[in-house]
Amino acid sequence: MNDPLVSVGTLSYNSASFIRETIRSVLSQTYGNWEYVICDDCSTDDTVGIIKSYGDPRIKVFINEKNLGYIENGIRLRRYLGGAFVKVLDHDDILYADCLRRQLDVLLSRPDAGMVTCDADFVNAAGKKLYVNRVPFKNDTASRKQVLDRMFLTARNSFIDGSRVMLRREALDRDFPLAAGEKLYIIREPLCAYRVLPSSLQIRISCINDFRKGYKSLYLNRELGISRLQYINVCIVNFINYFFRSLLKVLFNIWK
């Protein structure tokens, strides 16, 4: 059986400070059948020049005609991902050498695996390790409902951030990546480094707001068994909780 193609996708915007290290981490993968698709959102620094300097045919860069913003650029990126399996890599994060191979092995060997995630080293701007962020489940798998519960009721969704997750291509066309009956599989080992920056906080707050709006119906149709009032209370309390926890992490990173 031929090795399936894995699409790694990155959204870039003024990423010159970190994109070189990110690209090198993809080039260093022990699994070889991948494509690396980068959508640049009209960077004004040397991001595009750095990307093009590698000359590897597996690295494909698409440059937007105008600045689309994070969400719209992500929608555009999805059109160019041709692999049967997909990993979205943040422009400032790093994959460890066995990341693609280890995660792909899980998806190939477990038919009920809709996504696979892993622990992650959280690092600062200089790449210094701050701490290991563990996937917050006791077991090595989690159901769709358990994932939704964790994301909405505790406002903790870093365990399925793009750089940590690999999923099947068809999952990108669903309202939620995990279909009914599919599971999230967990590798209890850091396979990537997630860079904690002030810009990361801004993007994640924006994304969590869009995410809550997009999946509000999952609450209101009682998939999780709570009422509209409970939904509103959860959103308010957990947004405050998430904001202050994230702010403390960013301040800690700056002080380091």
C-alpha atoms as a PDB file:
ATOM      1  CA  MET A   1       0.000   0.000   0.000  1.00  0.00           C
ATOM      2  CA  ASN A   2       1.353   3.431  -0.961  1.00  0.00           C
ATOM      3  CA  ASP A   3       1.908   5.971   1.781  1.00  0.00           C
ATOM      4  CA  PRO A   4      -1.053   8.392   1.726  1.00  0.00           C
ATOM      5  CA  LEU A   5      -0.479  12.087   1.132  1.00  0.00           C
ATOM      6  CA  VAL A   6      -0.604  14.298   4.214  1.00  0.00           C
ATOM      7  CA  SER A   7      -1.419  17.972   3.650  1.00  0.00           C
ATOM      8  CA  VAL A   8       0.188  20.380   6.110  1.00  0.00           C
ATOM      9  CA  GLY A   9      -1.363  23.841   5.923  1.00  0.00           C
ATOM     10  CA  THR A  10      -0.200  27.171   7.338  1.00  0.00           C
ATOM     11  CA  LEU A  11      -1.722  30.655   7.388  1.00  0.00           C
ATOM     12  CA  SER A  12       0.990  33.293   7.222  1.00  0.00           C
ATOM     13  CA  TYR A  13       0.938  37.033   7.802  1.00  0.00           C
ATOM     14  CA  ASN A  14       4.111  38.967   8.634  1.00  0.00           C
ATOM     15  CA  SER A  15       5.618  35.705   9.851  1.00  0.00           C
ATOM     16  CA  ALA A  16       9.248  36.348   8.949  1.00  0.00           C
ATOM     17  CA  SER A  17      10.428  36.008  12.551  1.00  0.00           C
ATOM     18  CA  PHE A  18       9.328  32.375  12.855  1.00  0.00           C
ATOM     19  CA  ILE A  19       8.306  30.904   9.483  1.00  0.00           C
ATOM     20  CA  ARG A  20      11.790  29.622   8.674  1.00  0.00           C
ATOM     21  CA  GLU A  21      11.865  27.440  11.798  1.00  0.00           C
ATOM     22  CA  THR A  22       8.337  26.236  11.082  1.00  0.00           C
ATOM     23  CA  ILE A  23       9.229  25.225   7.511  1.00  0.00           C
ATOM     24  CA  ARG A  24      12.364  23.435   8.672  1.00  0.00           C
ATOM     25  CA  SER A  25      10.312  21.402  11.116  1.00  0.00           C
ATOM     26  CA  VAL A  26       8.158  20.145   8.236  1.00  0.00           C
ATOM     27  CA  LEU A  27      11.198  19.388   6.081  1.00  0.00           C
ATOM     28  CA  SER A  28      12.673  17.332   8.934  1.00  0.00           C
ATOM     29  CA  GLN A  29       9.708  14.925   9.172  1.00  0.00           C
ATOM     30  CA  THR A  30      10.535  11.216   9.119  1.00  0.00           C
ATOM     31  CA  TYR A  31       7.362  10.687   7.067  1.00  0.00           C
ATOM     32  CA  GLY A  32       8.074  11.799   3.526  1.00  0.00           C
ATOM     33  CA  ASN A  33       4.826  11.878   1.557  1.00  0.00           C
ATOM     34  CA  TRP A  34       3.521  15.316   2.433  1.00  0.00           C
ATOM     35  CA  GLU A  35       2.678  18.618   0.794  1.00  0.00           C
ATOM     36  CA  TYR A  36       3.078  21.904   2.626  1.00  0.00           C
ATOM     37  CA  VAL A  37       0.520  24.538   1.586  1.00  0.00           C
ATOM     38  CA  ILE A  38       0.952  28.105   2.838  1.00  0.00           C
ATOM     39  CA  CYS A  39      -1.624  30.867   2.285  1.00  0.00           C
ATOM     40  CA  ASP A  40      -0.069  34.269   2.808  1.00  0.00           C
ATOM     41  CA  ASP A  41      -2.419  37.120   3.677  1.00  0.00           C
ATOM     42  CA  CYS A  42      -0.496  39.987   2.020  1.00  0.00           C
ATOM     43  CA  SER A  43       2.505  40.052   4.337  1.00  0.00           C
ATOM     44  CA  THR A  44       4.480  43.300   4.294  1.00  0.00           C
ATOM     45  CA  ASP A  45       7.706  41.752   5.588  1.00  0.00           C
ATOM     46  CA  ASP A  46       9.956  39.068   4.019  1.00  0.00           C
ATOM     47  CA  THR A  47       7.637  36.133   4.755  1.00  0.00           C
ATOM     48  CA  VAL A  48       6.988  35.216   1.110  1.00  0.00           C
ATOM     49  CA  GLY A  49      10.641  35.586   0.171  1.00  0.00           C
ATOM     50  CA  ILE A  50      11.666  33.204   2.937  1.00  0.00           C
ATOM     51  CA  ILE A  51       9.062  30.633   1.874  1.00  0.00           C
ATOM     52  CA  LYS A  52      10.119  30.774  -1.785  1.00  0.00           C
ATOM     53  CA  SER A  53      13.801  30.497  -0.902  1.00  0.00           C
ATOM     54  CA  TYR A  54      13.488  26.803  -0.094  1.00  0.00           C
ATOM     55  CA  GLY A  55      12.680  25.673  -3.629  1.00  0.00           C
ATOM     56  CA  ASP A  56      11.193  22.358  -2.485  1.00  0.00           C
ATOM     57  CA  PRO A  57       8.350  21.379  -4.873  1.00  0.00           C
ATOM     58  CA  ARG A  58       6.352  20.031  -1.931  1.00  0.00           C
ATOM     59  CA  ILE A  59       6.109  23.565  -0.516  1.00  0.00           C
ATOM     60  CA  LYS A  60       3.341  25.543  -2.221  1.00  0.00           C
ATOM     61  CA  VAL A  61       2.625  29.179  -1.433  1.00  0.00           C
ATOM     62  CA  PHE A  62      -0.524  31.075  -2.404  1.00  0.00           C
ATOM     63  CA  ILE A  63      -0.575  34.847  -1.967  1.00  0.00           C
ATOM     64  CA  ASN A  64      -3.894  36.620  -1.465  1.00  0.00           C
ATOM     65  CA  GLU A  65      -4.660  39.598  -3.700  1.00  0.00           C
ATOM     66  CA  LYS A  66      -5.915  41.481  -0.650  1.00  0.00           C
ATOM     67  CA  ASN A  67      -5.823  40.960   3.099  1.00  0.00           C
ATOM     68  CA  LEU A  68      -8.667  38.579   4.013  1.00  0.00           C
ATOM     69  CA  GLY A  69      -8.158  38.184   7.751  1.00  0.00           C
ATOM     70  CA  TYR A  70      -7.519  34.997   9.718  1.00  0.00           C
ATOM     71  CA  ILE A  71     -10.883  33.256   9.248  1.00  0.00           C
ATOM     72  CA  GLU A  72     -11.328  33.938   5.510  1.00  0.00           C
ATOM     73  CA  ASN A  73      -7.721  33.040   4.818  1.00  0.00           C
ATOM     74  CA  GLY A  74      -8.346  29.718   6.569  1.00  0.00           C
ATOM     75  CA  ILE A  75     -11.327  29.018   4.313  1.00  0.00           C
ATOM     76  CA  ARG A  76      -9.140  29.711   1.278  1.00  0.00           C
ATOM     77  CA  LEU A  77      -6.397  27.427   2.574  1.00  0.00           C
ATOM     78  CA  ARG A  78      -8.833  24.532   2.801  1.00  0.00           C
ATOM     79  CA  ARG A  79      -9.405  24.629  -0.982  1.00  0.00           C
ATOM     80  CA  TYR A  80      -5.764  23.838  -1.698  1.00  0.00           C
ATOM     81  CA  LEU A  81      -5.310  20.873   0.641  1.00  0.00           C
ATOM     82  CA  GLY A  82      -5.210  17.782  -1.553  1.00  0.00           C
ATOM     83  CA  GLY A  83      -4.146  15.083   0.890  1.00  0.00           C
ATOM     84  CA  ALA A  84      -6.309  12.361   2.409  1.00  0.00           C
ATOM     85  CA  PHE A  85      -5.114  13.542   5.832  1.00  0.00           C
ATOM     86  CA  VAL A  86      -4.662  17.108   7.041  1.00  0.00           C
ATOM     87  CA  LYS A  87      -2.619  18.929   9.658  1.00  0.00           C
ATOM     88  CA  VAL A  88      -2.904  22.693  10.152  1.00  0.00           C
ATOM     89  CA  LEU A  89       0.338  24.166  11.472  1.00  0.00           C
ATOM     90  CA  ASP A  90       0.446  27.655  12.964  1.00  0.00           C
ATOM     91  CA  HIS A  91       3.054  29.894  11.345  1.00  0.00           C
ATOM     92  CA  ASP A  92       5.122  30.129  14.529  1.00  0.00           C
ATOM     93  CA  ASP A  93       4.829  26.529  15.798  1.00  0.00           C
ATOM     94  CA  ILE A  94       7.183  23.576  15.375  1.00  0.00           C
ATOM     95  CA  LEU A  95       6.570  19.931  14.544  1.00  0.00           C
ATOM     96  CA  TYR A  96       8.897  17.364  16.059  1.00  0.00           C
ATOM     97  CA  ALA A  97      10.428  14.921  13.590  1.00  0.00           C
ATOM     98  CA  ASP A  98       8.071  11.964  14.166  1.00  0.00           C
ATOM     99  CA  CYS A  99       4.862  14.000  14.441  1.00  0.00           C
ATOM    100  CA  LEU A 100       3.330  13.233  11.046  1.00  0.00           C
ATOM    101  CA  ARG A 101       4.291   9.563  11.120  1.00  0.00           C
ATOM    102  CA  ARG A 102       3.050   8.922  14.659  1.00  0.00           C
ATOM    103  CA  GLN A 103      -0.296  10.624  14.126  1.00  0.00           C
ATOM    104  CA  LEU A 104      -0.878   9.096  10.705  1.00  0.00           C
ATOM    105  CA  ASP A 105      -0.222   5.619  12.111  1.00  0.00           C
ATOM    106  CA  VAL A 106      -3.099   6.128  14.566  1.00  0.00           C
ATOM    107  CA  LEU A 107      -5.541   7.269  11.884  1.00  0.00           C
ATOM    108  CA  LEU A 108      -4.603   4.379   9.592  1.00  0.00           C
ATOM    109  CA  SER A 109      -4.849   1.722  12.285  1.00  0.00           C
ATOM    110  CA  ARG A 110      -8.025   2.976  14.020  1.00  0.00           C
ATOM    111  CA  PRO A 111     -11.077   3.184  11.717  1.00  0.00           C
ATOM    112  CA  ASP A 112     -13.073   4.984  14.428  1.00  0.00           C
ATOM    113  CA  ALA A 113     -10.417   7.704  14.815  1.00  0.00           C
ATOM    114  CA  GLY A 114     -11.736  10.993  13.416  1.00  0.00           C
ATOM    115  CA  MET A 115      -8.887  13.032  14.857  1.00  0.00           C
ATOM    116  CA  VAL A 116      -5.665  12.404  16.726  1.00  0.00           C
ATOM    117  CA  THR A 117      -4.050  14.911  19.078  1.00  0.00           C
ATOM    118  CA  CYS A 118      -1.007  14.974  21.330  1.00  0.00           C
ATOM    119  CA  ASP A 119       0.574  16.754  24.266  1.00  0.00           C
ATOM    120  CA  ALA A 120       2.517  19.903  23.352  1.00  0.00           C
ATOM    121  CA  ASP A 121       5.485  21.826  24.663  1.00  0.00           C
ATOM    122  CA  PHE A 122       4.499  25.454  25.178  1.00  0.00           C
ATOM    123  CA  VAL A 123       7.497  27.683  24.376  1.00  0.00           C
ATOM    124  CA  ASN A 124       8.196  31.410  24.386  1.00  0.00           C
ATOM    125  CA  ALA A 125       9.321  33.618  21.500  1.00  0.00           C
ATOM    126  CA  ALA A 126      12.920  32.439  21.883  1.00  0.00           C
ATOM    127  CA  GLY A 127      11.873  28.788  21.806  1.00  0.00           C
ATOM    128  CA  LYS A 128      12.493  28.230  25.511  1.00  0.00           C
ATOM    129  CA  LYS A 129      10.221  25.578  26.964  1.00  0.00           C
ATOM    130  CA  LEU A 130       7.733  26.960  29.482  1.00  0.00           C
ATOM    131  CA  TYR A 131       5.738  23.843  30.338  1.00  0.00           C
ATOM    132  CA  VAL A 132       4.086  20.774  28.821  1.00  0.00           C
ATOM    133  CA  ASN A 133       0.408  21.213  28.012  1.00  0.00           C
ATOM    134  CA  ARG A 134      -1.298  17.842  28.519  1.00  0.00           C
ATOM    135  CA  VAL A 135      -4.469  16.671  26.802  1.00  0.00           C
ATOM    136  CA  PRO A 136      -7.128  16.938  29.553  1.00  0.00           C
ATOM    137  CA  PHE A 137      -8.698  13.481  29.360  1.00  0.00           C
ATOM    138  CA  LYS A 138      -8.016  10.518  31.642  1.00  0.00           C
ATOM    139  CA  ASN A 139      -8.432   7.918  28.890  1.00  0.00           C
ATOM    140  CA  ASP A 140      -6.545   7.692  25.605  1.00  0.00           C
ATOM    141  CA  THR A 141      -9.700   8.322  23.578  1.00  0.00           C
ATOM    142  CA  ALA A 142     -12.605  10.752  23.859  1.00  0.00           C
ATOM    143  CA  SER A 143     -16.027  10.691  22.243  1.00  0.00           C
ATOM    144  CA  ARG A 144     -17.551  13.536  20.269  1.00  0.00           C
ATOM    145  CA  LYS A 145     -19.712  14.498  23.250  1.00  0.00           C
ATOM    146  CA  GLN A 146     -16.764  14.437  25.664  1.00  0.00           C
ATOM    147  CA  VAL A 147     -14.788  16.734  23.357  1.00  0.00           C
ATOM    148  CA  LEU A 148     -17.704  19.156  23.018  1.00  0.00           C
ATOM    149  CA  ASP A 149     -18.294  19.128  26.772  1.00  0.00           C
ATOM    150  CA  ARG A 150     -14.671  19.975  27.436  1.00  0.00           C
ATOM    151  CA  MET A 151     -14.522  22.725  24.832  1.00  0.00           C
ATOM    152  CA  PHE A 152     -17.721  24.528  25.724  1.00  0.00           C
ATOM    153  CA  LEU A 153     -18.147  23.908  29.415  1.00  0.00           C
ATOM    154  CA  THR A 154     -14.546  24.655  30.424  1.00  0.00           C
ATOM    155  CA  ALA A 155     -13.432  26.949  27.544  1.00  0.00           C
ATOM    156  CA  ARG A 156     -10.366  24.778  27.062  1.00  0.00           C
ATOM    157  CA  ASN A 157      -9.812  23.866  23.442  1.00  0.00           C
ATOM    158  CA  SER A 158      -6.014  24.087  23.117  1.00  0.00           C
ATOM    159  CA  PHE A 159      -5.922  20.277  23.020  1.00  0.00           C
ATOM    160  CA  ILE A 160      -7.363  20.394  19.485  1.00  0.00           C
ATOM    161  CA  ASP A 161      -5.455  23.415  18.218  1.00  0.00           C
ATOM    162  CA  GLY A 162      -4.310  22.921  14.632  1.00  0.00           C
ATOM    163  CA  SER A 163      -0.646  22.252  15.349  1.00  0.00           C
ATOM    164  CA  ARG A 164      -1.538  19.389  17.686  1.00  0.00           C
ATOM    165  CA  VAL A 165      -4.167  17.646  15.567  1.00  0.00           C
ATOM    166  CA  MET A 166      -4.260  15.505  12.454  1.00  0.00           C
ATOM    167  CA  LEU A 167      -7.597  14.619  10.909  1.00  0.00           C
ATOM    168  CA  ARG A 168      -9.151  13.049   7.852  1.00  0.00           C
ATOM    169  CA  ARG A 169      -9.723  15.409   4.903  1.00  0.00           C
ATOM    170  CA  GLU A 170     -13.500  14.899   4.870  1.00  0.00           C
ATOM    171  CA  ALA A 171     -13.701  16.237   8.436  1.00  0.00           C
ATOM    172  CA  LEU A 172     -13.040  19.750   7.090  1.00  0.00           C
ATOM    173  CA  ASP A 173     -16.405  19.710   5.329  1.00  0.00           C
ATOM    174  CA  ARG A 174     -18.432  19.069   8.495  1.00  0.00           C
ATOM    175  CA  ASP A 175     -19.865  21.504  11.016  1.00  0.00           C
ATOM    176  CA  PHE A 176     -17.735  19.731  13.622  1.00  0.00           C
ATOM    177  CA  PRO A 177     -14.686  17.594  12.702  1.00  0.00           C
ATOM    178  CA  LEU A 178     -15.733  14.555  14.750  1.00  0.00           C
ATOM    179  CA  ALA A 179     -18.702  12.739  13.266  1.00  0.00           C
ATOM    180  CA  ALA A 180     -21.103  10.716  15.413  1.00  0.00           C
ATOM    181  CA  GLY A 181     -19.369   7.499  16.436  1.00  0.00           C
ATOM    182  CA  GLU A 182     -15.871   8.813  15.773  1.00  0.00           C
ATOM    183  CA  LYS A 183     -13.324   9.333  18.534  1.00  0.00           C
ATOM    184  CA  LEU A 184     -10.470  11.648  19.341  1.00  0.00           C
ATOM    185  CA  TYR A 185      -7.331   9.575  19.918  1.00  0.00           C
ATOM    186  CA  ILE A 186      -4.625  10.921  22.199  1.00  0.00           C
ATOM    187  CA  ILE A 187      -0.836  10.475  22.065  1.00  0.00           C
ATOM    188  CA  ARG A 188       0.541  11.100  25.555  1.00  0.00           C
ATOM    189  CA  GLU A 189       3.747  12.700  24.389  1.00  0.00           C
ATOM    190  CA  PRO A 190       4.689  16.159  23.045  1.00  0.00           C
ATOM    191  CA  LEU A 191       4.975  15.917  19.259  1.00  0.00           C
ATOM    192  CA  CYS A 192       5.032  19.672  18.628  1.00  0.00           C
ATOM    193  CA  ALA A 193       5.932  22.995  20.199  1.00  0.00           C
ATOM    194  CA  TYR A 194       3.264  25.689  20.524  1.00  0.00           C
ATOM    195  CA  ARG A 195       4.648  29.207  20.724  1.00  0.00           C
ATOM    196  CA  VAL A 196       2.918  31.441  23.304  1.00  0.00           C
ATOM    197  CA  LEU A 197       2.913  35.050  22.074  1.00  0.00           C
ATOM    198  CA  PRO A 198       0.682  38.107  22.628  1.00  0.00           C
ATOM    199  CA  SER A 199      -0.542  37.672  19.032  1.00  0.00           C
ATOM    200  CA  SER A 200      -1.522  34.087  19.836  1.00  0.00           C
ATOM    201  CA  LEU A 201      -3.819  35.384  22.568  1.00  0.00           C
ATOM    202  CA  GLN A 202      -5.515  37.831  20.175  1.00  0.00           C
ATOM    203  CA  ILE A 203      -6.088  35.194  17.493  1.00  0.00           C
ATOM    204  CA  ARG A 204      -7.375  32.590  19.925  1.00  0.00           C
ATOM    205  CA  ILE A 205      -9.852  35.007  21.528  1.00  0.00           C
ATOM    206  CA  SER A 206     -11.136  35.894  18.048  1.00  0.00           C
ATOM    207  CA  CYS A 207     -11.394  32.229  17.062  1.00  0.00           C
ATOM    208  CA  ILE A 208     -13.119  31.138  20.240  1.00  0.00           C
ATOM    209  CA  ASN A 209     -15.774  33.823  19.691  1.00  0.00           C
ATOM    210  CA  ASP A 210     -16.364  32.645  16.109  1.00  0.00           C
ATOM    211  CA  PHE A 211     -16.307  29.041  17.254  1.00  0.00           C
ATOM    212  CA  ARG A 212     -18.967  29.595  19.896  1.00  0.00           C
ATOM    213  CA  LYS A 213     -21.197  31.379  17.389  1.00  0.00           C
ATOM    214  CA  GLY A 214     -20.778  28.616  14.818  1.00  0.00           C
ATOM    215  CA  TYR A 215     -21.595  25.774  17.198  1.00  0.00           C
ATOM    216  CA  LYS A 216     -24.233  27.478  19.299  1.00  0.00           C
ATOM    217  CA  SER A 217     -26.847  25.232  17.685  1.00  0.00           C
ATOM    218  CA  LEU A 218     -25.179  22.177  19.228  1.00  0.00           C
ATOM    219  CA  TYR A 219     -26.209  23.530  22.607  1.00  0.00           C
ATOM    220  CA  LEU A 220     -29.634  24.729  21.652  1.00  0.00           C
ATOM    221  CA  ASN A 221     -30.652  21.447  19.999  1.00  0.00           C
ATOM    222  CA  ARG A 222     -29.789  19.765  23.303  1.00  0.00           C
ATOM    223  CA  GLU A 223     -26.956  17.627  21.969  1.00  0.00           C
ATOM    224  CA  LEU A 224     -25.232  18.492  25.238  1.00  0.00           C
ATOM    225  CA  GLY A 225     -28.450  18.662  27.219  1.00  0.00           C
ATOM    226  CA  ILE A 226     -28.392  22.271  28.431  1.00  0.00           C
ATOM    227  CA  SER A 227     -30.761  25.204  28.034  1.00  0.00           C
ATOM    228  CA  ARG A 228     -30.287  28.574  26.321  1.00  0.00           C
ATOM    229  CA  LEU A 229     -29.817  30.329  29.671  1.00  0.00           C
ATOM    230  CA  GLN A 230     -27.184  27.818  30.733  1.00  0.00           C
ATOM    231  CA  TYR A 231     -25.436  28.319  27.397  1.00  0.00           C
ATOM    232  CA  ILE A 232     -25.274  32.096  27.910  1.00  0.00           C
ATOM    233  CA  ASN A 233     -23.999  31.697  31.483  1.00  0.00           C
ATOM    234  CA  VAL A 234     -21.325  29.249  30.375  1.00  0.00           C
ATOM    235  CA  CYS A 235     -20.139  31.584  27.598  1.00  0.00           C
ATOM    236  CA  ILE A 236     -19.846  34.588  29.904  1.00  0.00           C
ATOM    237  CA  VAL A 237     -18.149  32.822  32.797  1.00  0.00           C
ATOM    238  CA  ASN A 238     -15.758  30.817  30.675  1.00  0.00           C
ATOM    239  CA  PHE A 239     -14.775  33.715  28.438  1.00  0.00           C
ATOM    240  CA  ILE A 240     -13.719  35.679  31.539  1.00  0.00           C
ATOM    241  CA  ASN A 241     -11.927  32.608  32.866  1.00  0.00           C
ATOM    242  CA  TYR A 242     -10.203  31.922  29.539  1.00  0.00           C
ATOM    243  CA  PHE A 243      -9.149  35.546  29.051  1.00  0.00           C
ATOM    244  CA  PHE A 244      -7.433  35.858  32.435  1.00  0.00           C
ATOM    245  CA  ARG A 245      -5.753  32.454  32.204  1.00  0.00           C
ATOM    246  CA  SER A 246      -4.410  33.323  28.742  1.00  0.00           C
ATOM    247  CA  LEU A 247      -3.304  36.778  29.859  1.00  0.00           C
ATOM    248  CA  LEU A 248      -1.347  35.291  32.758  1.00  0.00           C
ATOM    249  CA  LYS A 249       0.394  32.870  30.380  1.00  0.00           C
ATOM    250  CA  VAL A 250       1.388  35.705  28.049  1.00  0.00           C
ATOM    251  CA  LEU A 251       2.676  37.834  30.927  1.00  0.00           C
ATOM    252  CA  PHE A 252       4.601  34.863  32.268  1.00  0.00           C
ATOM    253  CA  ASN A 253       6.135  34.405  28.826  1.00  0.00           C
ATOM    254  CA  ILE A 254       7.180  38.069  28.658  1.00  0.00           C
ATOM    255  CA  TRP A 255       8.721  37.961  32.140  1.00  0.00           C
ATOM    256  CA  LYS A 256      10.717  34.853  31.266  1.00  0.00           C
END
